[in-house]
Amino acid sequence: MIGYLKGKIISKKPTRLLLDVNGVGYVVNITIPTFEKLGNEKEETSLHTYLHVKEDSLTLYGFSSEPEKKIFELLISISGIGPKLAQSILSGIQTAELIEAIRTANLNRIVAVPGIGKKTGERLIIELRDKVSSLASEEMESVAPSFTIMNDAVKALVNLGYNQKTAENSIRKILDGKPDATIEELIKDALSYLNK
């Protein structure tokens, strides 16, 4: 089982990476949040990996953090969710946000993720609610405050009539540049960004 890789980035796309590890090129399927954390081509990077074994193929999935890999493994343990769908789910929502949505049974937030319908969302909550509580690790706790602020800012923008996805994207962009922004700053900056 390949659980971790460290090497040089040969090429990267939002969902796939070619990594040179000591002269061997590994094709690794990645999520969009992992893609956003990668360096440039020719730079070194490391990934936590999951090897999916089928009769006719071996497929590697890579993650920038251990919690993202763990939630991926929990997702594929649910009937009807395969690795491709789990990768798609984790590309549509940040790990800490998904964990929080499952823990608080926030079905509306879960079904807003592309690829998750109401039945699958309900199954996620029922089957994973207790399991994700253990994932609220130090890493999750350290990012939780920014997600609370992010969620509150997104709700405020949605209440002002903006689309959920547009609101999330604008808040995320602002948080990337200003990780310590207050909720007031986030909303103010998002409004000026959205009304350009």
C-alpha atoms as a PDB file:
ATOM      1  CA  MET A   1       0.000   0.000   0.000  1.00  0.00           C
ATOM      2  CA  ILE A   2       1.367   3.427  -0.963  1.00  0.00           C
ATOM      3  CA  GLY A   3       0.457   5.812   1.871  1.00  0.00           C
ATOM      4  CA  TYR A   4       2.734   8.795   1.235  1.00  0.00           C
ATOM      5  CA  LEU A   5       4.702  10.255  -1.677  1.00  0.00           C
ATOM      6  CA  LYS A   6       7.317  12.990  -1.835  1.00  0.00           C
ATOM      7  CA  GLY A   7       8.733  14.174  -5.115  1.00  0.00           C
ATOM      8  CA  LYS A   8       8.972  16.788  -7.853  1.00  0.00           C
ATOM      9  CA  ILE A   9       5.891  18.065  -9.688  1.00  0.00           C
ATOM     10  CA  ILE A  10       6.192  17.238 -13.414  1.00  0.00           C
ATOM     11  CA  SER A  11       2.753  18.504 -14.417  1.00  0.00           C
ATOM     12  CA  LYS A  12      -0.481  19.353 -12.625  1.00  0.00           C
ATOM     13  CA  LYS A  13      -4.141  19.915 -13.425  1.00  0.00           C
ATOM     14  CA  PRO A  14      -6.949  20.696 -10.942  1.00  0.00           C
ATOM     15  CA  THR A  15      -7.764  16.988 -10.512  1.00  0.00           C
ATOM     16  CA  ARG A  16      -4.551  15.203 -11.518  1.00  0.00           C
ATOM     17  CA  LEU A  17      -0.859  15.402 -10.782  1.00  0.00           C
ATOM     18  CA  LEU A  18       2.234  13.723 -12.276  1.00  0.00           C
ATOM     19  CA  LEU A  19       4.853  13.357  -9.548  1.00  0.00           C
ATOM     20  CA  ASP A  20       8.473  12.296 -10.085  1.00  0.00           C
ATOM     21  CA  VAL A  21       9.583  10.204  -7.089  1.00  0.00           C
ATOM     22  CA  ASN A  22      13.231   9.191  -7.553  1.00  0.00           C
ATOM     23  CA  GLY A  23      12.834   8.818 -11.318  1.00  0.00           C
ATOM     24  CA  VAL A  24       9.426   7.063 -11.220  1.00  0.00           C
ATOM     25  CA  GLY A  25       6.411   9.076 -12.426  1.00  0.00           C
ATOM     26  CA  TYR A  26       3.244   8.580 -10.365  1.00  0.00           C
ATOM     27  CA  VAL A  27      -0.120   9.737 -11.701  1.00  0.00           C
ATOM     28  CA  VAL A  28      -2.093  10.915  -8.655  1.00  0.00           C
ATOM     29  CA  ASN A  29      -5.753  11.979  -8.628  1.00  0.00           C
ATOM     30  CA  ILE A  30      -6.175  15.021  -6.389  1.00  0.00           C
ATOM     31  CA  THR A  31      -8.905  17.294  -5.065  1.00  0.00           C
ATOM     32  CA  ILE A  32      -9.140  20.984  -5.968  1.00  0.00           C
ATOM     33  CA  PRO A  33      -8.196  22.127  -2.393  1.00  0.00           C
ATOM     34  CA  THR A  34      -5.048  19.951  -2.649  1.00  0.00           C
ATOM     35  CA  PHE A  35      -4.308  21.393  -6.122  1.00  0.00           C
ATOM     36  CA  GLU A  36      -4.556  24.931  -4.689  1.00  0.00           C
ATOM     37  CA  LYS A  37      -1.929  24.082  -2.045  1.00  0.00           C
ATOM     38  CA  LEU A  38       0.590  22.634  -4.526  1.00  0.00           C
ATOM     39  CA  GLY A  39       3.674  24.550  -5.581  1.00  0.00           C
ATOM     40  CA  ASN A  40       4.693  25.166  -9.177  1.00  0.00           C
ATOM     41  CA  GLU A  41       6.017  22.612 -11.652  1.00  0.00           C
ATOM     42  CA  LYS A  42       9.563  21.385 -10.857  1.00  0.00           C
ATOM     43  CA  GLU A  43       8.980  22.140  -7.132  1.00  0.00           C
ATOM     44  CA  GLU A  44       9.015  19.451  -4.445  1.00  0.00           C
ATOM     45  CA  THR A  45       5.769  18.445  -2.764  1.00  0.00           C
ATOM     46  CA  SER A  46       4.490  15.679  -0.518  1.00  0.00           C
ATOM     47  CA  LEU A  47       1.083  14.006  -0.405  1.00  0.00           C
ATOM     48  CA  HIS A  48      -0.774  11.563   1.806  1.00  0.00           C
ATOM     49  CA  THR A  49      -2.050   8.915  -0.600  1.00  0.00           C
ATOM     50  CA  TYR A  50      -4.704   6.243  -0.867  1.00  0.00           C
ATOM     51  CA  LEU A  51      -4.264   3.359  -3.329  1.00  0.00           C
ATOM     52  CA  HIS A  52      -7.584   2.135  -4.756  1.00  0.00           C
ATOM     53  CA  VAL A  53      -7.278  -1.449  -5.997  1.00  0.00           C
ATOM     54  CA  LYS A  54      -9.671  -2.945  -8.561  1.00  0.00           C
ATOM     55  CA  GLU A  55      -9.308  -6.138 -10.587  1.00  0.00           C
ATOM     56  CA  ASP A  56      -8.173  -4.245 -13.670  1.00  0.00           C
ATOM     57  CA  SER A  57      -6.536  -1.098 -12.228  1.00  0.00           C
ATOM     58  CA  LEU A  58      -4.558   0.549  -9.446  1.00  0.00           C
ATOM     59  CA  THR A  59      -5.481   4.206  -8.881  1.00  0.00           C
ATOM     60  CA  LEU A  60      -3.683   6.634  -6.553  1.00  0.00           C
ATOM     61  CA  TYR A  61      -5.495   9.478  -4.794  1.00  0.00           C
ATOM     62  CA  GLY A  62      -3.455  12.216  -3.109  1.00  0.00           C
ATOM     63  CA  PHE A  63      -4.276  14.674  -0.316  1.00  0.00           C
ATOM     64  CA  SER A  64      -2.480  17.678   1.151  1.00  0.00           C
ATOM     65  CA  SER A  65      -3.459  16.715   4.728  1.00  0.00           C
ATOM     66  CA  GLU A  66      -4.138  13.612   6.799  1.00  0.00           C
ATOM     67  CA  PRO A  67      -7.703  14.741   7.768  1.00  0.00           C
ATOM     68  CA  GLU A  68      -8.598  15.130   4.063  1.00  0.00           C
ATOM     69  CA  LYS A  69      -7.387  11.572   3.416  1.00  0.00           C
ATOM     70  CA  LYS A  70      -9.341  10.256   6.432  1.00  0.00           C
ATOM     71  CA  ILE A  71     -12.606  11.904   5.355  1.00  0.00           C
ATOM     72  CA  PHE A  72     -12.024  10.485   1.837  1.00  0.00           C
ATOM     73  CA  GLU A  73     -11.714   6.979   3.340  1.00  0.00           C
ATOM     74  CA  LEU A  74     -14.885   7.538   5.377  1.00  0.00           C
ATOM     75  CA  LEU A  75     -16.766   8.725   2.277  1.00  0.00           C
ATOM     76  CA  ILE A  76     -15.826   5.654   0.217  1.00  0.00           C
ATOM     77  CA  SER A  77     -16.919   3.383   3.083  1.00  0.00           C
ATOM     78  CA  ILE A  78     -20.505   4.454   2.332  1.00  0.00           C
ATOM     79  CA  SER A  79     -22.465   2.341  -0.124  1.00  0.00           C
ATOM     80  CA  GLY A  80     -22.874   4.173  -3.437  1.00  0.00           C
ATOM     81  CA  ILE A  81     -19.857   6.484  -2.981  1.00  0.00           C
ATOM     82  CA  GLY A  82     -16.792   5.447  -4.942  1.00  0.00           C
ATOM     83  CA  PRO A  83     -13.384   7.144  -5.036  1.00  0.00           C
ATOM     84  CA  LYS A  84     -14.263   9.348  -8.047  1.00  0.00           C
ATOM     85  CA  LEU A  85     -17.388  10.713  -6.319  1.00  0.00           C
ATOM     86  CA  ALA A  86     -15.493  11.164  -3.022  1.00  0.00           C
ATOM     87  CA  GLN A  87     -12.809  13.128  -4.921  1.00  0.00           C
ATOM     88  CA  SER A  88     -15.547  15.249  -6.508  1.00  0.00           C
ATOM     89  CA  ILE A  89     -17.224  15.866  -3.119  1.00  0.00           C
ATOM     90  CA  LEU A  90     -13.939  16.984  -1.532  1.00  0.00           C
ATOM     91  CA  SER A  91     -13.348  19.273  -4.525  1.00  0.00           C
ATOM     92  CA  GLY A  92     -16.689  20.977  -3.857  1.00  0.00           C
ATOM     93  CA  ILE A  93     -16.291  21.628  -0.119  1.00  0.00           C
ATOM     94  CA  GLN A  94     -13.375  22.175   2.261  1.00  0.00           C
ATOM     95  CA  THR A  95     -12.634  19.223   4.580  1.00  0.00           C
ATOM     96  CA  ALA A  96     -13.287  21.098   7.834  1.00  0.00           C
ATOM     97  CA  GLU A  97     -16.525  22.498   6.418  1.00  0.00           C
ATOM     98  CA  LEU A  98     -17.760  19.035   5.377  1.00  0.00           C
ATOM     99  CA  ILE A  99     -16.921  17.609   8.807  1.00  0.00           C
ATOM    100  CA  GLU A 100     -18.788  20.469  10.494  1.00  0.00           C
ATOM    101  CA  ALA A 101     -21.807  20.033   8.191  1.00  0.00           C
ATOM    102  CA  ILE A 102     -21.975  16.288   8.962  1.00  0.00           C
ATOM    103  CA  ARG A 103     -21.461  16.841  12.711  1.00  0.00           C
ATOM    104  CA  THR A 104     -24.236  19.445  12.885  1.00  0.00           C
ATOM    105  CA  ALA A 105     -26.517  17.525  10.453  1.00  0.00           C
ATOM    106  CA  ASN A 106     -26.585  20.529   8.080  1.00  0.00           C
ATOM    107  CA  LEU A 107     -28.276  18.712   5.176  1.00  0.00           C
ATOM    108  CA  ASN A 108     -28.761  21.910   3.118  1.00  0.00           C
ATOM    109  CA  ARG A 109     -24.999  22.561   3.086  1.00  0.00           C
ATOM    110  CA  ILE A 110     -24.210  18.934   2.223  1.00  0.00           C
ATOM    111  CA  VAL A 111     -26.644  18.710  -0.719  1.00  0.00           C
ATOM    112  CA  ALA A 112     -25.225  22.005  -2.073  1.00  0.00           C
ATOM    113  CA  VAL A 113     -22.065  20.020  -2.907  1.00  0.00           C
ATOM    114  CA  PRO A 114     -22.089  18.788  -6.535  1.00  0.00           C
ATOM    115  CA  GLY A 115     -22.751  15.040  -6.723  1.00  0.00           C
ATOM    116  CA  ILE A 116     -24.667  14.728  -3.445  1.00  0.00           C
ATOM    117  CA  GLY A 117     -28.433  14.295  -3.561  1.00  0.00           C
ATOM    118  CA  LYS A 118     -30.815  14.336  -0.602  1.00  0.00           C
ATOM    119  CA  LYS A 119     -30.677  10.566   0.046  1.00  0.00           C
ATOM    120  CA  THR A 120     -26.871  10.429  -0.121  1.00  0.00           C
ATOM    121  CA  GLY A 121     -26.664  13.517   2.118  1.00  0.00           C
ATOM    122  CA  GLU A 122     -28.923  11.887   4.716  1.00  0.00           C
ATOM    123  CA  ARG A 123     -26.843   8.697   4.559  1.00  0.00           C
ATOM    124  CA  LEU A 124     -23.649  10.719   5.091  1.00  0.00           C
ATOM    125  CA  ILE A 125     -25.098  12.288   8.237  1.00  0.00           C
ATOM    126  CA  ILE A 126     -26.472   9.013   9.645  1.00  0.00           C
ATOM    127  CA  GLU A 127     -23.410   6.870   8.917  1.00  0.00           C
ATOM    128  CA  LEU A 128     -20.599   9.374   9.524  1.00  0.00           C
ATOM    129  CA  ARG A 129     -21.855  11.675  12.278  1.00  0.00           C
ATOM    130  CA  ASP A 130     -20.168   9.755  15.113  1.00  0.00           C
ATOM    131  CA  LYS A 131     -17.068   8.923  13.050  1.00  0.00           C
ATOM    132  CA  VAL A 132     -16.278  12.516  12.025  1.00  0.00           C
ATOM    133  CA  SER A 133     -16.343  13.695  15.643  1.00  0.00           C
ATOM    134  CA  SER A 134     -13.009  11.931  16.130  1.00  0.00           C
ATOM    135  CA  LEU A 135     -11.683  13.843  13.091  1.00  0.00           C
ATOM    136  CA  ALA A 136     -12.163  17.168  14.851  1.00  0.00           C
ATOM    137  CA  SER A 137      -8.405  17.023  15.501  1.00  0.00           C
ATOM    138  CA  GLU A 138      -6.001  19.849  16.288  1.00  0.00           C
ATOM    139  CA  GLU A 139      -5.774  20.707  12.594  1.00  0.00           C
ATOM    140  CA  MET A 140      -9.550  20.960  12.337  1.00  0.00           C
ATOM    141  CA  GLU A 141      -9.780  23.027  15.530  1.00  0.00           C
ATOM    142  CA  SER A 142      -7.170  25.436  14.224  1.00  0.00           C
ATOM    143  CA  VAL A 143      -9.173  26.077  11.035  1.00  0.00           C
ATOM    144  CA  ALA A 144     -12.616  25.937  12.644  1.00  0.00           C
ATOM    145  CA  PRO A 145     -12.786  29.641  13.657  1.00  0.00           C
ATOM    146  CA  SER A 146     -12.099  30.802  10.109  1.00  0.00           C
ATOM    147  CA  PHE A 147     -14.793  28.414   8.836  1.00  0.00           C
ATOM    148  CA  THR A 148     -17.321  29.756  11.351  1.00  0.00           C
ATOM    149  CA  ILE A 149     -16.565  33.298  10.177  1.00  0.00           C
ATOM    150  CA  MET A 150     -16.605  32.139   6.545  1.00  0.00           C
ATOM    151  CA  ASN A 151     -19.992  30.425   6.954  1.00  0.00           C
ATOM    152  CA  ASP A 152     -21.485  33.476   8.684  1.00  0.00           C
ATOM    153  CA  ALA A 153     -20.166  35.778   5.936  1.00  0.00           C
ATOM    154  CA  VAL A 154     -21.532  33.465   3.204  1.00  0.00           C
ATOM    155  CA  LYS A 155     -24.945  33.371   4.948  1.00  0.00           C
ATOM    156  CA  ALA A 156     -24.972  37.171   5.090  1.00  0.00           C
ATOM    157  CA  LEU A 157     -24.238  37.417   1.347  1.00  0.00           C
ATOM    158  CA  VAL A 158     -26.882  34.786   0.520  1.00  0.00           C
ATOM    159  CA  ASN A 159     -29.398  36.778   2.602  1.00  0.00           C
ATOM    160  CA  LEU A 160     -28.474  39.815   0.499  1.00  0.00           C
ATOM    161  CA  GLY A 161     -29.488  37.852  -2.608  1.00  0.00           C
ATOM    162  CA  TYR A 162     -26.159  36.450  -3.836  1.00  0.00           C
ATOM    163  CA  ASN A 163     -25.834  32.882  -5.099  1.00  0.00           C
ATOM    164  CA  GLN A 164     -24.336  30.425  -2.514  1.00  0.00           C
ATOM    165  CA  LYS A 165     -21.461  29.308  -4.784  1.00  0.00           C
ATOM    166  CA  THR A 166     -20.587  32.883  -5.843  1.00  0.00           C
ATOM    167  CA  ALA A 167     -20.646  33.996  -2.199  1.00  0.00           C
ATOM    168  CA  GLU A 168     -18.388  31.100  -1.118  1.00  0.00           C
ATOM    169  CA  ASN A 169     -15.866  31.738  -3.901  1.00  0.00           C
ATOM    170  CA  SER A 170     -15.588  35.452  -3.138  1.00  0.00           C
ATOM    171  CA  ILE A 171     -15.192  34.856   0.626  1.00  0.00           C
ATOM    172  CA  ARG A 172     -12.558  32.156  -0.024  1.00  0.00           C
ATOM    173  CA  LYS A 173     -10.550  34.499  -2.283  1.00  0.00           C
ATOM    174  CA  ILE A 174     -10.601  37.218   0.376  1.00  0.00           C
ATOM    175  CA  LEU A 175      -9.624  34.764   3.144  1.00  0.00           C
ATOM    176  CA  ASP A 176      -6.653  33.578   1.042  1.00  0.00           C
ATOM    177  CA  GLY A 177      -5.274  37.118   1.049  1.00  0.00           C
ATOM    178  CA  LYS A 178      -6.496  38.064   4.539  1.00  0.00           C
ATOM    179  CA  PRO A 179      -6.676  34.916   6.722  1.00  0.00           C
ATOM    180  CA  ASP A 180      -7.290  36.970   9.895  1.00  0.00           C
ATOM    181  CA  ALA A 181     -10.106  39.118   8.471  1.00  0.00           C
ATOM    182  CA  THR A 182     -13.073  39.845  10.734  1.00  0.00           C
ATOM    183  CA  ILE A 183     -16.587  39.025   9.563  1.00  0.00           C
ATOM    184  CA  GLU A 184     -17.261  42.734   8.949  1.00  0.00           C
ATOM    185  CA  GLU A 185     -14.137  43.049   6.754  1.00  0.00           C
ATOM    186  CA  LEU A 186     -15.059  39.882   4.859  1.00  0.00           C
ATOM    187  CA  ILE A 187     -18.573  41.077   4.041  1.00  0.00           C
ATOM    188  CA  LYS A 188     -17.380  44.594   3.110  1.00  0.00           C
ATOM    189  CA  ASP A 189     -14.565  43.269   0.865  1.00  0.00           C
ATOM    190  CA  ALA A 190     -16.842  40.631  -0.682  1.00  0.00           C
ATOM    191  CA  LEU A 191     -19.476  43.241  -1.557  1.00  0.00           C
ATOM    192  CA  SER A 192     -16.920  45.470  -3.255  1.00  0.00           C
ATOM    193  CA  TYR A 193     -15.447  42.412  -5.045  1.00  0.00           C
ATOM    194  CA  LEU A 194     -18.887  41.206  -6.221  1.00  0.00           C
ATOM    195  CA  ASN A 195     -20.040  44.658  -7.320  1.00  0.00           C
ATOM    196  CA  LYS A 196     -16.991  45.409  -9.529  1.00  0.00           C
END
